[in-house]
Amino acid sequence: MALALENAADGGSTQIEDETGGFLDNIEYRGGGYAILRALWDAHEKGLALLSANEICARAKQWCSHHMASGLFAGCHRGLGWDAHGSLLKHGILKKQKLKARKQRDRIDVFCLTSEGSELVLKLIEMSADEEGPATQTPRRSLVQNQSQTPPKPERHPASAEEPPMKKPKVTEAQEAANG
């Protein structure tokens, strides 16, 4: 950790920065960066060190409040959760590698956490321990307060009170010979 000595010499307050240059203070809870880090950490805990962008997005959706997608057409949208990966790469939290393939076009980018990234994720988990849970969970209070305003659809085929007629039992040749 580095101390900002210039501020102390000027009479300002001393600030302690982490190895990522204050990135921990700027990360948004349930934002794209948080979701990417959580997805990579969960995969790392399960023994998967390297994940492709599509795998990260699929795993990160539960931790992100924003739309999370990557691909050829995902870049045309603004504000996607995946856009945060550039900042994570720039700060040295993620490492990008190419998987080798026979053809150049078949090579894909895979990502993993660096040692600084692993430390950062542990700090993030400690900071957000009281707010944990997937983003897809809806709080119970919202279900009670905001009841549906849409009227129920009428049934197309109203259920009749009568029971359906019984099917005739199948008669086999052996039963026919015994009866006849």
C-alpha atoms as a PDB file:
ATOM      1  CA  MET A   1       0.000   0.000   0.000  1.00  0.00           C
ATOM      2  CA  ALA A   2       1.272   3.406  -0.901  1.00  0.00           C
ATOM      3  CA  LEU A   3       0.809   6.589   1.093  1.00  0.00           C
ATOM      4  CA  ALA A   4       0.003   9.770  -0.742  1.00  0.00           C
ATOM      5  CA  LEU A   5       2.830  11.839   0.744  1.00  0.00           C
ATOM      6  CA  GLU A   6       2.233  14.852  -1.481  1.00  0.00           C
ATOM      7  CA  ASN A   7      -1.101  15.485   0.221  1.00  0.00           C
ATOM      8  CA  ALA A   8       0.505  15.214   3.647  1.00  0.00           C
ATOM      9  CA  ALA A   9       3.236  17.712   2.684  1.00  0.00           C
ATOM     10  CA  ASP A  10       0.606  20.174   1.419  1.00  0.00           C
ATOM     11  CA  GLY A  11      -1.310  19.936   4.679  1.00  0.00           C
ATOM     12  CA  GLY A  12      -3.961  17.638   3.242  1.00  0.00           C
ATOM     13  CA  SER A  13      -4.976  14.308   4.647  1.00  0.00           C
ATOM     14  CA  THR A  14      -2.977  11.196   3.941  1.00  0.00           C
ATOM     15  CA  GLN A  15      -4.815   8.609   1.927  1.00  0.00           C
ATOM     16  CA  ILE A  16      -4.084   4.930   1.842  1.00  0.00           C
ATOM     17  CA  GLU A  17      -4.520   3.357  -1.569  1.00  0.00           C
ATOM     18  CA  ASP A  18      -4.694  -0.319  -2.346  1.00  0.00           C
ATOM     19  CA  GLU A  19      -2.513  -2.007  -4.976  1.00  0.00           C
ATOM     20  CA  THR A  20      -5.125  -1.337  -7.660  1.00  0.00           C
ATOM     21  CA  GLY A  21      -4.966   2.443  -7.301  1.00  0.00           C
ATOM     22  CA  GLY A  22      -8.212   2.945  -5.389  1.00  0.00           C
ATOM     23  CA  PHE A  23     -10.211   0.625  -7.628  1.00  0.00           C
ATOM     24  CA  LEU A  24     -11.917  -0.915  -4.596  1.00  0.00           C
ATOM     25  CA  ASP A  25     -13.549   2.426  -3.744  1.00  0.00           C
ATOM     26  CA  ASN A  26     -14.893   2.876  -7.275  1.00  0.00           C
ATOM     27  CA  ILE A  27     -16.351  -0.581  -7.857  1.00  0.00           C
ATOM     28  CA  GLU A  28     -20.140  -0.641  -7.924  1.00  0.00           C
ATOM     29  CA  TYR A  29     -21.928  -3.313  -5.910  1.00  0.00           C
ATOM     30  CA  ARG A  30     -23.942  -5.464  -8.356  1.00  0.00           C
ATOM     31  CA  GLY A  31     -22.182  -3.703 -11.239  1.00  0.00           C
ATOM     32  CA  GLY A  32     -20.418  -5.404 -14.114  1.00  0.00           C
ATOM     33  CA  GLY A  33     -16.980  -5.443 -12.505  1.00  0.00           C
ATOM     34  CA  TYR A  34     -18.315  -6.905  -9.275  1.00  0.00           C
ATOM     35  CA  ALA A  35     -20.242  -9.585 -11.172  1.00  0.00           C
ATOM     36  CA  ILE A  36     -17.244 -10.547 -13.311  1.00  0.00           C
ATOM     37  CA  LEU A  37     -15.020 -10.834 -10.243  1.00  0.00           C
ATOM     38  CA  ARG A  38     -17.596 -12.906  -8.354  1.00  0.00           C
ATOM     39  CA  ALA A  39     -18.088 -15.234 -11.329  1.00  0.00           C
ATOM     40  CA  LEU A  40     -14.349 -15.787 -11.696  1.00  0.00           C
ATOM     41  CA  TRP A  41     -13.943 -16.272  -7.936  1.00  0.00           C
ATOM     42  CA  ASP A  42     -16.762 -18.822  -7.764  1.00  0.00           C
ATOM     43  CA  ALA A  43     -15.263 -20.694 -10.728  1.00  0.00           C
ATOM     44  CA  HIS A  44     -11.819 -20.543  -9.095  1.00  0.00           C
ATOM     45  CA  GLU A  45     -13.265 -22.034  -5.904  1.00  0.00           C
ATOM     46  CA  LYS A  46     -14.664 -24.917  -7.994  1.00  0.00           C
ATOM     47  CA  GLY A  47     -11.299 -25.542  -9.669  1.00  0.00           C
ATOM     48  CA  LEU A  48     -11.894 -23.701 -12.956  1.00  0.00           C
ATOM     49  CA  ALA A  49      -9.078 -21.198 -13.371  1.00  0.00           C
ATOM     50  CA  LEU A  50      -9.760 -20.015 -16.936  1.00  0.00           C
ATOM     51  CA  LEU A  51     -13.158 -18.956 -18.309  1.00  0.00           C
ATOM     52  CA  SER A  52     -14.179 -17.598 -21.689  1.00  0.00           C
ATOM     53  CA  ALA A  53     -16.167 -14.376 -21.963  1.00  0.00           C
ATOM     54  CA  ASN A  54     -19.395 -16.273 -22.639  1.00  0.00           C
ATOM     55  CA  GLU A  55     -18.857 -18.508 -19.599  1.00  0.00           C
ATOM     56  CA  ILE A  56     -18.139 -15.482 -17.412  1.00  0.00           C
ATOM     57  CA  CYS A  57     -21.287 -13.723 -18.604  1.00  0.00           C
ATOM     58  CA  ALA A  58     -23.414 -16.809 -17.999  1.00  0.00           C
ATOM     59  CA  ARG A  59     -22.072 -17.172 -14.448  1.00  0.00           C
ATOM     60  CA  ALA A  60     -22.088 -13.434 -13.666  1.00  0.00           C
ATOM     61  CA  LYS A  61     -25.752 -12.781 -14.462  1.00  0.00           C
ATOM     62  CA  GLN A  62     -26.791 -13.747 -10.952  1.00  0.00           C
ATOM     63  CA  TRP A  63     -24.467 -11.137  -9.422  1.00  0.00           C
ATOM     64  CA  CYS A  64     -25.190  -8.245 -11.799  1.00  0.00           C
ATOM     65  CA  SER A  65     -27.993  -5.677 -11.902  1.00  0.00           C
ATOM     66  CA  HIS A  66     -27.090  -4.702 -15.479  1.00  0.00           C
ATOM     67  CA  HIS A  67     -27.495  -6.634 -18.702  1.00  0.00           C
ATOM     68  CA  MET A  68     -24.567  -9.023 -18.981  1.00  0.00           C
ATOM     69  CA  ALA A  69     -23.665 -10.299 -22.446  1.00  0.00           C
ATOM     70  CA  SER A  70     -20.702 -10.531 -24.746  1.00  0.00           C
ATOM     71  CA  GLY A  71     -20.404 -11.446 -28.379  1.00  0.00           C
ATOM     72  CA  LEU A  72     -20.452  -9.977 -31.845  1.00  0.00           C
ATOM     73  CA  PHE A  73     -23.588  -7.910 -31.342  1.00  0.00           C
ATOM     74  CA  ALA A  74     -23.329  -7.200 -27.623  1.00  0.00           C
ATOM     75  CA  GLY A  75     -20.862  -4.351 -28.167  1.00  0.00           C
ATOM     76  CA  CYS A  76     -23.457  -2.151 -29.829  1.00  0.00           C
ATOM     77  CA  HIS A  77     -25.351  -1.788 -26.529  1.00  0.00           C
ATOM     78  CA  ARG A  78     -24.158   0.786 -24.018  1.00  0.00           C
ATOM     79  CA  GLY A  79     -23.868   0.174 -20.305  1.00  0.00           C
ATOM     80  CA  LEU A  80     -23.488  -3.585 -20.461  1.00  0.00           C
ATOM     81  CA  GLY A  81     -22.017  -5.329 -17.457  1.00  0.00           C
ATOM     82  CA  TRP A  82     -19.341  -6.907 -19.636  1.00  0.00           C
ATOM     83  CA  ASP A  83     -17.908  -3.473 -20.494  1.00  0.00           C
ATOM     84  CA  ALA A  84     -16.256  -3.403 -17.057  1.00  0.00           C
ATOM     85  CA  HIS A  85     -13.771  -6.108 -18.067  1.00  0.00           C
ATOM     86  CA  GLY A  86     -11.624  -3.493 -19.836  1.00  0.00           C
ATOM     87  CA  SER A  87     -11.140  -1.602 -16.600  1.00  0.00           C
ATOM     88  CA  LEU A  88     -10.361  -4.818 -14.727  1.00  0.00           C
ATOM     89  CA  LEU A  89      -7.697  -5.667 -17.320  1.00  0.00           C
ATOM     90  CA  LYS A  90      -6.232  -2.151 -17.168  1.00  0.00           C
ATOM     91  CA  HIS A  91      -5.907  -2.279 -13.372  1.00  0.00           C
ATOM     92  CA  GLY A  92      -4.232  -5.702 -13.468  1.00  0.00           C
ATOM     93  CA  ILE A  93      -7.062  -7.520 -11.713  1.00  0.00           C
ATOM     94  CA  LEU A  94      -7.792  -9.825 -14.655  1.00  0.00           C
ATOM     95  CA  LYS A  95      -5.376 -11.546 -16.984  1.00  0.00           C
ATOM     96  CA  LYS A  96      -6.322 -12.319 -20.588  1.00  0.00           C
ATOM     97  CA  GLN A  97      -4.893 -15.269 -22.496  1.00  0.00           C
ATOM     98  CA  LYS A  98      -5.535 -16.933 -25.841  1.00  0.00           C
ATOM     99  CA  LEU A  99      -6.387 -20.616 -25.958  1.00  0.00           C
ATOM    100  CA  LYS A 100      -4.300 -22.305 -28.610  1.00  0.00           C
ATOM    101  CA  ALA A 101      -6.074 -23.826 -31.574  1.00  0.00           C
ATOM    102  CA  ARG A 102      -5.043 -25.165 -34.949  1.00  0.00           C
ATOM    103  CA  LYS A 103      -6.531 -22.229 -36.806  1.00  0.00           C
ATOM    104  CA  GLN A 104      -6.144 -18.586 -35.862  1.00  0.00           C
ATOM    105  CA  ARG A 105      -9.875 -17.926 -36.119  1.00  0.00           C
ATOM    106  CA  ASP A 106     -10.635 -20.716 -33.619  1.00  0.00           C
ATOM    107  CA  ARG A 107      -8.585 -19.158 -30.823  1.00  0.00           C
ATOM    108  CA  ILE A 108     -10.667 -17.716 -28.011  1.00  0.00           C
ATOM    109  CA  ASP A 109      -9.834 -15.330 -25.203  1.00  0.00           C
ATOM    110  CA  VAL A 110      -9.935 -16.723 -21.685  1.00  0.00           C
ATOM    111  CA  PHE A 111      -9.684 -14.754 -18.468  1.00  0.00           C
ATOM    112  CA  CYS A 112      -8.421 -15.497 -14.970  1.00  0.00           C
ATOM    113  CA  LEU A 113      -7.900 -13.596 -11.735  1.00  0.00           C
ATOM    114  CA  THR A 114      -4.443 -12.317 -10.851  1.00  0.00           C
ATOM    115  CA  SER A 115      -3.168 -12.531  -7.271  1.00  0.00           C
ATOM    116  CA  GLU A 116      -4.190  -8.877  -6.741  1.00  0.00           C
ATOM    117  CA  GLY A 117      -7.602  -9.731  -8.167  1.00  0.00           C
ATOM    118  CA  SER A 118      -8.034 -12.604  -5.727  1.00  0.00           C
ATOM    119  CA  GLU A 119      -7.201 -10.310  -2.803  1.00  0.00           C
ATOM    120  CA  LEU A 120      -9.630  -7.698  -4.113  1.00  0.00           C
ATOM    121  CA  VAL A 121     -12.448 -10.241  -4.418  1.00  0.00           C
ATOM    122  CA  LEU A 122     -11.919 -11.331  -0.817  1.00  0.00           C
ATOM    123  CA  LYS A 123     -12.183  -7.694   0.300  1.00  0.00           C
ATOM    124  CA  LEU A 124     -15.330  -7.214  -1.787  1.00  0.00           C
ATOM    125  CA  ILE A 125     -16.927 -10.313  -0.297  1.00  0.00           C
ATOM    126  CA  GLU A 126     -16.137  -9.085   3.222  1.00  0.00           C
ATOM    127  CA  MET A 127     -17.572  -5.633   2.453  1.00  0.00           C
ATOM    128  CA  SER A 128     -20.788  -6.984   0.946  1.00  0.00           C
ATOM    129  CA  ALA A 129     -21.340  -9.980   3.246  1.00  0.00           C
ATOM    130  CA  ASP A 130     -24.572  -8.535   4.677  1.00  0.00           C
ATOM    131  CA  GLU A 131     -26.041  -7.902   1.205  1.00  0.00           C
ATOM    132  CA  GLU A 132     -25.257 -11.317  -0.296  1.00  0.00           C
ATOM    133  CA  GLY A 133     -27.622 -13.222  -2.535  1.00  0.00           C
ATOM    134  CA  PRO A 134     -28.149 -13.516  -6.261  1.00  0.00           C
ATOM    135  CA  ALA A 135     -29.548 -10.453  -8.030  1.00  0.00           C
ATOM    136  CA  THR A 136     -32.375 -12.547  -9.417  1.00  0.00           C
ATOM    137  CA  GLN A 137     -33.982 -12.897  -6.004  1.00  0.00           C
ATOM    138  CA  THR A 138     -36.920 -10.569  -5.469  1.00  0.00           C
ATOM    139  CA  PRO A 139     -37.393  -9.173  -1.971  1.00  0.00           C
ATOM    140  CA  ARG A 140     -40.558 -10.462  -0.300  1.00  0.00           C
ATOM    141  CA  ARG A 141     -41.804  -7.002   0.588  1.00  0.00           C
ATOM    142  CA  SER A 142     -42.053  -6.039  -3.084  1.00  0.00           C
ATOM    143  CA  LEU A 143     -44.253  -9.036  -3.782  1.00  0.00           C
ATOM    144  CA  VAL A 144     -46.670  -8.027  -1.026  1.00  0.00           C
ATOM    145  CA  GLN A 145     -46.767  -4.296  -1.754  1.00  0.00           C
ATOM    146  CA  ASN A 146     -46.954  -4.438  -5.549  1.00  0.00           C
ATOM    147  CA  GLN A 147     -49.759  -6.804  -6.394  1.00  0.00           C
ATOM    148  CA  SER A 148     -50.513  -7.480 -10.026  1.00  0.00           C
ATOM    149  CA  GLN A 149     -52.909  -5.057 -11.720  1.00  0.00           C
ATOM    150  CA  THR A 150     -53.522  -7.421 -14.636  1.00  0.00           C
ATOM    151  CA  PRO A 151     -56.892  -9.210 -14.450  1.00  0.00           C
ATOM    152  CA  PRO A 152     -56.756 -13.000 -14.674  1.00  0.00           C
ATOM    153  CA  LYS A 153     -57.401 -14.495 -18.107  1.00  0.00           C
ATOM    154  CA  PRO A 154     -60.695 -16.359 -18.550  1.00  0.00           C
ATOM    155  CA  GLU A 155     -60.428 -20.085 -19.150  1.00  0.00           C
ATOM    156  CA  ARG A 156     -60.841 -21.138 -22.759  1.00  0.00           C
ATOM    157  CA  HIS A 157     -62.449 -24.476 -21.949  1.00  0.00           C
ATOM    158  CA  PRO A 158     -64.301 -24.333 -18.667  1.00  0.00           C
ATOM    159  CA  ALA A 159     -63.912 -27.493 -16.670  1.00  0.00           C
ATOM    160  CA  SER A 160     -67.148 -29.446 -16.566  1.00  0.00           C
ATOM    161  CA  ALA A 161     -68.454 -30.954 -13.376  1.00  0.00           C
ATOM    162  CA  GLU A 162     -69.032 -34.294 -15.085  1.00  0.00           C
ATOM    163  CA  GLU A 163     -66.342 -36.906 -15.236  1.00  0.00           C
ATOM    164  CA  PRO A 164     -65.184 -38.019 -18.671  1.00  0.00           C
ATOM    165  CA  PRO A 165     -66.689 -41.282 -19.961  1.00  0.00           C
ATOM    166  CA  MET A 166     -64.821 -44.462 -19.110  1.00  0.00           C
ATOM    167  CA  LYS A 167     -62.742 -46.021 -21.859  1.00  0.00           C
ATOM    168  CA  LYS A 168     -63.668 -49.471 -23.088  1.00  0.00           C
ATOM    169  CA  PRO A 169     -61.226 -52.112 -21.903  1.00  0.00           C
ATOM    170  CA  LYS A 170     -59.174 -53.727 -24.623  1.00  0.00           C
ATOM    171  CA  VAL A 171     -60.138 -57.305 -25.355  1.00  0.00           C
ATOM    172  CA  THR A 172     -57.374 -59.651 -26.367  1.00  0.00           C
ATOM    173  CA  GLU A 173     -57.775 -62.755 -28.538  1.00  0.00           C
ATOM    174  CA  ALA A 174     -57.242 -65.060 -25.531  1.00  0.00           C
ATOM    175  CA  GLN A 175     -60.084 -63.377 -23.610  1.00  0.00           C
ATOM    176  CA  GLU A 176     -62.318 -63.536 -26.702  1.00  0.00           C
ATOM    177  CA  ALA A 177     -61.712 -67.292 -27.104  1.00  0.00           C
ATOM    178  CA  ALA A 178     -62.438 -67.889 -23.397  1.00  0.00           C
ATOM    179  CA  ASN A 179     -65.725 -65.920 -23.573  1.00  0.00           C
ATOM    180  CA  GLY A 180     -66.882 -67.253 -26.883  1.00  0.00           C
END
